Amino acid sequence: MCLAVPLQVALIESESVVRCRVGEGDNFLSVSTQLLPDQPVVGDYLIIHAGFAMRKLDPQDAEETLKLMREMVAANEAAQ
């Protein structure tokens, strides 16, 4: 099973590679954009699988998904 987490584009490295922020810290992932129909821009949210951007997300949908994931983590931590 695969869990897709929206990542936000922080930097355009080249025509086919972007650097995405992982979470809220200082972790970044270089991602290939070769499978996307159009090049993302800084601030776009992407769904990544195996190092490839699979699609862009609507920013509101991405933020809602991230909010729900944070709430699930908090609930899990509180239950332990």
PDB file of N, CA and C in Angstrom:
ATOM      1  N   MET A   1       0.847  -1.175   0.000  1.00  0.00           N
ATOM      2  CA  MET A   1       0.000   0.000   0.000  1.00  0.00           C
ATOM      3  C   MET A   1       0.888   1.232   0.000  1.00  0.00           C
ATOM      4  N   CYS A   2       0.462   2.245  -0.728  1.00  0.00           N
ATOM      5  CA  CYS A   2       1.239   3.471  -0.847  1.00  0.00           C
ATOM      6  C   CYS A   2       0.422   4.635  -0.317  1.00  0.00           C
ATOM      7  N   LEU A   3       1.035   5.469   0.494  1.00  0.00           N
ATOM      8  CA  LEU A   3       0.390   6.670   1.003  1.00  0.00           C
ATOM      9  C   LEU A   3       1.023   7.871   0.310  1.00  0.00           C
ATOM     10  N   ALA A   4       0.226   8.607  -0.437  1.00  0.00           N
ATOM     11  CA  ALA A   4       0.733   9.770  -1.168  1.00  0.00           C
ATOM     12  C   ALA A   4       0.543  11.020  -0.322  1.00  0.00           C
ATOM     13  N   VAL A   5       1.623  11.730  -0.088  1.00  0.00           N
ATOM     14  CA  VAL A   5       1.594  12.965   0.678  1.00  0.00           C
ATOM     15  C   VAL A   5       1.908  14.115  -0.272  1.00  0.00           C
ATOM     16  N   PRO A   6       1.077  15.159  -0.290  1.00  0.00           N
ATOM     17  CA  PRO A   6       1.374  16.296  -1.161  1.00  0.00           C
ATOM     18  C   PRO A   6       2.681  16.979  -0.743  1.00  0.00           C
ATOM     19  N   LEU A   7       3.532  17.232  -1.720  1.00  0.00           N
ATOM     20  CA  LEU A   7       4.775  17.972  -1.484  1.00  0.00           C
ATOM     21  C   LEU A   7       4.707  19.271  -2.269  1.00  0.00           C
ATOM     22  N   GLN A   8       5.266  20.330  -1.689  1.00  0.00           N
ATOM     23  CA  GLN A   8       5.216  21.642  -2.333  1.00  0.00           C
ATOM     24  C   GLN A   8       6.542  21.947  -3.028  1.00  0.00           C
ATOM     25  N   VAL A   9       6.440  22.428  -4.257  1.00  0.00           N
ATOM     26  CA  VAL A   9       7.630  22.791  -5.035  1.00  0.00           C
ATOM     27  C   VAL A   9       8.278  24.016  -4.396  1.00  0.00           C
ATOM     28  N   ALA A  10       9.560  23.887  -4.059  1.00  0.00           N
ATOM     29  CA  ALA A  10      10.303  24.979  -3.441  1.00  0.00           C
ATOM     30  C   ALA A  10      11.292  25.621  -4.413  1.00  0.00           C
ATOM     31  N   LEU A  11      11.749  24.848  -5.409  1.00  0.00           N
ATOM     32  CA  LEU A  11      12.786  25.336  -6.319  1.00  0.00           C
ATOM     33  C   LEU A  11      12.714  24.559  -7.625  1.00  0.00           C
ATOM     34  N   ILE A  12      12.899  25.253  -8.739  1.00  0.00           N
ATOM     35  CA  ILE A  12      13.016  24.597 -10.033  1.00  0.00           C
ATOM     36  C   ILE A  12      14.504  24.347 -10.262  1.00  0.00           C
ATOM     37  N   GLU A  13      14.909  23.084 -10.280  1.00  0.00           N
ATOM     38  CA  GLU A  13      16.332  22.755 -10.452  1.00  0.00           C
ATOM     39  C   GLU A  13      16.727  22.738 -11.924  1.00  0.00           C
ATOM     40  N   SER A  14      15.836  22.225 -12.780  1.00  0.00           N
ATOM     41  CA  SER A  14      16.110  22.169 -14.216  1.00  0.00           C
ATOM     42  C   SER A  14      14.776  22.025 -14.939  1.00  0.00           C
ATOM     43  N   GLU A  15      14.836  21.821 -16.233  1.00  0.00           N
ATOM     44  CA  GLU A  15      13.607  21.694 -17.016  1.00  0.00           C
ATOM     45  C   GLU A  15      12.761  20.498 -16.585  1.00  0.00           C
ATOM     46  N   SER A  16      13.401  19.475 -16.023  1.00  0.00           N
ATOM     47  CA  SER A  16      12.646  18.264 -15.673  1.00  0.00           C
ATOM     48  C   SER A  16      12.820  17.822 -14.222  1.00  0.00           C
ATOM     49  N   VAL A  17      13.381  18.692 -13.387  1.00  0.00           N
ATOM     50  CA  VAL A  17      13.568  18.336 -11.973  1.00  0.00           C
ATOM     51  C   VAL A  17      13.218  19.539 -11.096  1.00  0.00           C
ATOM     52  N   VAL A  18      12.413  19.260 -10.055  1.00  0.00           N
ATOM     53  CA  VAL A  18      12.102  20.284  -9.067  1.00  0.00           C
ATOM     54  C   VAL A  18      12.518  19.783  -7.688  1.00  0.00           C
ATOM     55  N   ARG A  19      12.689  20.709  -6.781  1.00  0.00           N
ATOM     56  CA  ARG A  19      13.030  20.375  -5.394  1.00  0.00           C
ATOM     57  C   ARG A  19      11.797  20.684  -4.555  1.00  0.00           C
ATOM     58  N   CYS A  20      11.313  19.673  -3.834  1.00  0.00           N
ATOM     59  CA  CYS A  20      10.087  19.811  -3.048  1.00  0.00           C
ATOM     60  C   CYS A  20      10.388  19.720  -1.557  1.00  0.00           C
ATOM     61  N   ARG A  21       9.663  20.529  -0.795  1.00  0.00           N
ATOM     62  CA  ARG A  21       9.778  20.481   0.662  1.00  0.00           C
ATOM     63  C   ARG A  21       8.970  19.307   1.185  1.00  0.00           C
ATOM     64  N   VAL A  22       9.584  18.530   2.081  1.00  0.00           N
ATOM     65  CA  VAL A  22       8.918  17.397   2.715  1.00  0.00           C
ATOM     66  C   VAL A  22       8.505  17.844   4.109  1.00  0.00           C
ATOM     67  N   GLY A  23       7.222  17.959   4.349  1.00  0.00           N
ATOM     68  CA  GLY A  23       6.732  18.396   5.652  1.00  0.00           C
ATOM     69  C   GLY A  23       7.003  19.864   5.881  1.00  0.00           C
ATOM     70  N   GLU A  24       7.205  20.200   7.133  1.00  0.00           N
ATOM     71  CA  GLU A  24       7.380  21.605   7.499  1.00  0.00           C
ATOM     72  C   GLU A  24       8.812  21.943   7.890  1.00  0.00           C
ATOM     73  N   GLY A  25       9.695  20.973   7.805  1.00  0.00           N
ATOM     74  CA  GLY A  25      11.074  21.194   8.232  1.00  0.00           C
ATOM     75  C   GLY A  25      11.987  21.566   7.082  1.00  0.00           C
ATOM     76  N   ASP A  26      13.233  21.164   7.217  1.00  0.00           N
ATOM     77  CA  ASP A  26      14.254  21.484   6.225  1.00  0.00           C
ATOM     78  C   ASP A  26      14.621  20.277   5.377  1.00  0.00           C
ATOM     79  N   ASN A  27      13.700  19.363   5.194  1.00  0.00           N
ATOM     80  CA  ASN A  27      13.945  18.199   4.342  1.00  0.00           C
ATOM     81  C   ASN A  27      13.380  18.452   2.956  1.00  0.00           C
ATOM     82  N   PHE A  28      14.183  18.128   1.944  1.00  0.00           N
ATOM     83  CA  PHE A  28      13.783  18.354   0.559  1.00  0.00           C
ATOM     84  C   PHE A  28      14.023  17.091  -0.251  1.00  0.00           C
ATOM     85  N   LEU A  29      13.289  16.968  -1.349  1.00  0.00           N
ATOM     86  CA  LEU A  29      13.396  15.830  -2.237  1.00  0.00           C
ATOM     87  C   LEU A  29      13.453  16.337  -3.669  1.00  0.00           C
ATOM     88  N   SER A  30      14.446  15.889  -4.427  1.00  0.00           N
ATOM     89  CA  SER A  30      14.495  16.219  -5.852  1.00  0.00           C
ATOM     90  C   SER A  30      13.578  15.256  -6.585  1.00  0.00           C
ATOM     91  N   VAL A  31      12.718  15.805  -7.435  1.00  0.00           N
ATOM     92  CA  VAL A  31      11.652  15.045  -8.074  1.00  0.00           C
ATOM     93  C   VAL A  31      11.672  15.277  -9.580  1.00  0.00           C
ATOM     94  N   SER A  32      11.528  14.204 -10.335  1.00  0.00           N
ATOM     95  CA  SER A  32      11.425  14.318 -11.791  1.00  0.00           C
ATOM     96  C   SER A  32      10.014  14.765 -12.166  1.00  0.00           C
ATOM     97  N   THR A  33       9.928  15.690 -13.105  1.00  0.00           N
ATOM     98  CA  THR A  33       8.631  16.166 -13.587  1.00  0.00           C
ATOM     99  C   THR A  33       8.362  15.679 -15.011  1.00  0.00           C
ATOM    100  N   GLN A  34       9.119  14.694 -15.474  1.00  0.00           N
ATOM    101  CA  GLN A  34       9.005  14.217 -16.853  1.00  0.00           C
ATOM    102  C   GLN A  34       7.628  13.637 -17.175  1.00  0.00           C
ATOM    103  N   LEU A  35       6.891  13.168 -16.187  1.00  0.00           N
ATOM    104  CA  LEU A  35       5.589  12.564 -16.440  1.00  0.00           C
ATOM    105  C   LEU A  35       4.439  13.572 -16.425  1.00  0.00           C
ATOM    106  N   LEU A  36       4.718  14.812 -16.061  1.00  0.00           N
ATOM    107  CA  LEU A  36       3.671  15.830 -16.019  1.00  0.00           C
ATOM    108  C   LEU A  36       3.467  16.458 -17.392  1.00  0.00           C
ATOM    109  N   PRO A  37       2.223  16.820 -17.727  1.00  0.00           N
ATOM    110  CA  PRO A  37       1.973  17.441 -19.021  1.00  0.00           C
ATOM    111  C   PRO A  37       2.530  18.862 -19.132  1.00  0.00           C
ATOM    112  N   ASP A  38       2.648  19.562 -17.995  1.00  0.00           N
ATOM    113  CA  ASP A  38       3.227  20.902 -18.005  1.00  0.00           C
ATOM    114  C   ASP A  38       4.103  21.091 -16.772  1.00  0.00           C
ATOM    115  N   GLN A  39       5.082  21.944 -16.891  1.00  0.00           N
ATOM    116  CA  GLN A  39       6.062  22.173 -15.832  1.00  0.00           C
ATOM    117  C   GLN A  39       5.414  22.876 -14.638  1.00  0.00           C
ATOM    118  N   PRO A  40       5.612  22.355 -13.425  1.00  0.00           N
ATOM    119  CA  PRO A  40       5.088  23.046 -12.240  1.00  0.00           C
ATOM    120  C   PRO A  40       5.900  24.310 -11.953  1.00  0.00           C
ATOM    121  N   VAL A  41       5.330  25.165 -11.123  1.00  0.00           N
ATOM    122  CA  VAL A  41       5.998  26.385 -10.689  1.00  0.00           C
ATOM    123  C   VAL A  41       6.181  26.320  -9.177  1.00  0.00           C
ATOM    124  N   VAL A  42       7.049  27.163  -8.663  1.00  0.00           N
ATOM    125  CA  VAL A  42       7.272  27.226  -7.218  1.00  0.00           C
ATOM    126  C   VAL A  42       5.935  27.505  -6.537  1.00  0.00           C
ATOM    127  N   GLY A  43       5.637  26.713  -5.508  1.00  0.00           N
ATOM    128  CA  GLY A  43       4.385  26.846  -4.768  1.00  0.00           C
ATOM    129  C   GLY A  43       3.355  25.798  -5.124  1.00  0.00           C
ATOM    130  N   ASP A  44       3.493  25.162  -6.298  1.00  0.00           N
ATOM    131  CA  ASP A  44       2.567  24.091  -6.677  1.00  0.00           C
ATOM    132  C   ASP A  44       2.728  22.902  -5.737  1.00  0.00           C
ATOM    133  N   TYR A  45       1.649  22.162  -5.546  1.00  0.00           N
ATOM    134  CA  TYR A  45       1.688  20.908  -4.793  1.00  0.00           C
ATOM    135  C   TYR A  45       1.654  19.748  -5.777  1.00  0.00           C
ATOM    136  N   LEU A  46       2.452  18.733  -5.498  1.00  0.00           N
ATOM    137  CA  LEU A  46       2.550  17.567  -6.369  1.00  0.00           C
ATOM    138  C   LEU A  46       2.344  16.290  -5.567  1.00  0.00           C
ATOM    139  N   ILE A  47       1.839  15.267  -6.254  1.00  0.00           N
ATOM    140  CA  ILE A  47       1.813  13.914  -5.702  1.00  0.00           C
ATOM    141  C   ILE A  47       2.996  13.184  -6.311  1.00  0.00           C
ATOM    142  N   ILE A  48       3.853  12.609  -5.459  1.00  0.00           N
ATOM    143  CA  ILE A  48       5.104  11.983  -5.882  1.00  0.00           C
ATOM    144  C   ILE A  48       5.020  10.480  -5.639  1.00  0.00           C
ATOM    145  N   HIS A  49       5.546   9.715  -6.585  1.00  0.00           N
ATOM    146  CA  HIS A  49       5.692   8.271  -6.391  1.00  0.00           C
ATOM    147  C   HIS A  49       7.012   7.846  -7.013  1.00  0.00           C
ATOM    148  N   ALA A  50       7.850   7.197  -6.224  1.00  0.00           N
ATOM    149  CA  ALA A  50       9.134   6.663  -6.685  1.00  0.00           C
ATOM    150  C   ALA A  50       9.985   7.734  -7.373  1.00  0.00           C
ATOM    151  N   GLY A  51       9.943   8.951  -6.844  1.00  0.00           N
ATOM    152  CA  GLY A  51      10.788  10.026  -7.371  1.00  0.00           C
ATOM    153  C   GLY A  51      10.222  10.775  -8.556  1.00  0.00           C
ATOM    154  N   PHE A  52       9.003  10.424  -8.978  1.00  0.00           N
ATOM    155  CA  PHE A  52       8.370  11.085 -10.119  1.00  0.00           C
ATOM    156  C   PHE A  52       7.103  11.805  -9.666  1.00  0.00           C
ATOM    157  N   ALA A  53       6.919  13.032 -10.146  1.00  0.00           N
ATOM    158  CA  ALA A  53       5.666  13.736  -9.912  1.00  0.00           C
ATOM    159  C   ALA A  53       4.600  13.093 -10.784  1.00  0.00           C
ATOM    160  N   MET A  54       3.514  12.656 -10.162  1.00  0.00           N
ATOM    161  CA  MET A  54       2.443  11.981 -10.901  1.00  0.00           C
ATOM    162  C   MET A  54       1.379  12.980 -11.370  1.00  0.00           C
ATOM    163  N   ARG A  55       1.122  14.000 -10.531  1.00  0.00           N
ATOM    164  CA  ARG A  55       0.149  15.025 -10.921  1.00  0.00           C
ATOM    165  C   ARG A  55       0.238  16.217  -9.988  1.00  0.00           C
ATOM    166  N   LYS A  56      -0.292  17.343 -10.459  1.00  0.00           N
ATOM    167  CA  LYS A  56      -0.422  18.534  -9.626  1.00  0.00           C
ATOM    168  C   LYS A  56      -1.725  18.446  -8.853  1.00  0.00           C
ATOM    169  N   LEU A  57      -1.741  19.091  -7.699  1.00  0.00           N
ATOM    170  CA  LEU A  57      -2.940  19.144  -6.878  1.00  0.00           C
ATOM    171  C   LEU A  57      -3.439  20.575  -6.771  1.00  0.00           C
ATOM    172  N   ASP A  58      -4.733  20.709  -6.597  1.00  0.00           N
ATOM    173  CA  ASP A  58      -5.303  22.005  -6.271  1.00  0.00           C
ATOM    174  C   ASP A  58      -4.754  22.414  -4.898  1.00  0.00           C
ATOM    175  N   PRO A  59      -4.293  23.647  -4.737  1.00  0.00           N
ATOM    176  CA  PRO A  59      -3.687  24.047  -3.446  1.00  0.00           C
ATOM    177  C   PRO A  59      -4.617  23.848  -2.253  1.00  0.00           C
ATOM    178  N   GLN A  60      -5.909  24.132  -2.415  1.00  0.00           N
ATOM    179  CA  GLN A  60      -6.847  23.944  -1.292  1.00  0.00           C
ATOM    180  C   GLN A  60      -6.985  22.470  -0.926  1.00  0.00           C
ATOM    181  N   ASP A  61      -7.038  21.603  -1.932  1.00  0.00           N
ATOM    182  CA  ASP A  61      -7.108  20.165  -1.669  1.00  0.00           C
ATOM    183  C   ASP A  61      -5.851  19.670  -0.970  1.00  0.00           C
ATOM    184  N   ALA A  62      -4.696  20.164  -1.413  1.00  0.00           N
ATOM    185  CA  ALA A  62      -3.428  19.756  -0.797  1.00  0.00           C
ATOM    186  C   ALA A  62      -3.374  20.201   0.661  1.00  0.00           C
ATOM    187  N   GLU A  63      -3.745  21.444   0.927  1.00  0.00           N
ATOM    188  CA  GLU A  63      -3.714  21.953   2.307  1.00  0.00           C
ATOM    189  C   GLU A  63      -4.681  21.177   3.194  1.00  0.00           C
ATOM    190  N   GLU A  64      -5.864  20.846   2.674  1.00  0.00           N
ATOM    191  CA  GLU A  64      -6.838  20.078   3.453  1.00  0.00           C
ATOM    192  C   GLU A  64      -6.307  18.678   3.752  1.00  0.00           C
ATOM    193  N   THR A  65      -5.683  18.049   2.760  1.00  0.00           N
ATOM    194  CA  THR A  65      -5.096  16.723   2.959  1.00  0.00           C
ATOM    195  C   THR A  65      -4.022  16.770   4.029  1.00  0.00           C
ATOM    196  N   LEU A  66      -3.135  17.765   3.960  1.00  0.00           N
ATOM    197  CA  LEU A  66      -2.072  17.902   4.955  1.00  0.00           C
ATOM    198  C   LEU A  66      -2.642  18.166   6.344  1.00  0.00           C
ATOM    199  N   LYS A  67      -3.684  18.975   6.423  1.00  0.00           N
ATOM    200  CA  LYS A  67      -4.332  19.256   7.718  1.00  0.00           C
ATOM    201  C   LYS A  67      -4.894  17.968   8.316  1.00  0.00           C
ATOM    202  N   LEU A  68      -5.585  17.179   7.504  1.00  0.00           N
ATOM    203  CA  LEU A  68      -6.144  15.923   7.997  1.00  0.00           C
ATOM    204  C   LEU A  68      -5.049  14.953   8.448  1.00  0.00           C
ATOM    205  N   MET A  69      -3.955  14.902   7.710  1.00  0.00           N
ATOM    206  CA  MET A  69      -2.843  14.020   8.097  1.00  0.00           C
ATOM    207  C   MET A  69      -2.238  14.460   9.422  1.00  0.00           C
ATOM    208  N   ARG A  70      -2.085  15.773   9.622  1.00  0.00           N
ATOM    209  CA  ARG A  70      -1.562  16.273  10.901  1.00  0.00           C
ATOM    210  C   ARG A  70      -2.494  15.900  12.054  1.00  0.00           C
ATOM    211  N   GLU A  71      -3.811  16.016  11.813  1.00  0.00           N
ATOM    212  CA  GLU A  71      -4.784  15.665  12.845  1.00  0.00           C
ATOM    213  C   GLU A  71      -4.721  14.174  13.183  1.00  0.00           C
ATOM    214  N   MET A  72      -4.524  13.330  12.173  1.00  0.00           N
ATOM    215  CA  MET A  72      -4.413  11.882  12.420  1.00  0.00           C
ATOM    216  C   MET A  72      -3.167  11.575  13.244  1.00  0.00           C
ATOM    217  N   VAL A  73      -2.073  12.224  12.938  1.00  0.00           N
ATOM    218  CA  VAL A  73      -0.828  12.017  13.692  1.00  0.00           C
ATOM    219  C   VAL A  73      -1.027  12.462  15.140  1.00  0.00           C
ATOM    220  N   ALA A  74      -1.629  13.627  15.330  1.00  0.00           N
ATOM    221  CA  ALA A  74      -1.862  14.133  16.677  1.00  0.00           C
ATOM    222  C   ALA A  74      -2.773  13.203  17.466  1.00  0.00           C
ATOM    223  N   ALA A  75      -3.824  12.702  16.837  1.00  0.00           N
ATOM    224  CA  ALA A  75      -4.738  11.773  17.511  1.00  0.00           C
ATOM    225  C   ALA A  75      -4.022  10.471  17.878  1.00  0.00           C
ATOM    226  N   ASN A  76      -3.179   9.994  17.009  1.00  0.00           N
ATOM    227  CA  ASN A  76      -2.422   8.772  17.280  1.00  0.00           C
ATOM    228  C   ASN A  76      -1.451   8.979  18.438  1.00  0.00           C
ATOM    229  N   GLU A  77      -0.780  10.109  18.446  1.00  0.00           N
ATOM    230  CA  GLU A  77       0.158  10.401  19.542  1.00  0.00           C
ATOM    231  C   GLU A  77      -0.568  10.540  20.864  1.00  0.00           C
ATOM    232  N   ALA A  78      -1.764  11.143  20.855  1.00  0.00           N
ATOM    233  CA  ALA A  78      -2.526  11.323  22.070  1.00  0.00           C
ATOM    234  C   ALA A  78      -3.038   9.984  22.619  1.00  0.00           C
ATOM    235  N   ALA A  79      -3.269   9.033  21.728  1.00  0.00           N
ATOM    236  CA  ALA A  79      -3.789   7.727  22.130  1.00  0.00           C
ATOM    237  C   ALA A  79      -2.710   6.841  22.739  1.00  0.00           C
ATOM    238  N   GLN A  80      -1.460   7.179  22.539  1.00  0.00           N
ATOM    239  CA  GLN A  80      -0.378   6.328  23.028  1.00  0.00           C
ATOM    240  C   GLN A  80       0.018   6.663  24.434  1.00  0.00           C
TER     241      GLN A  80
END
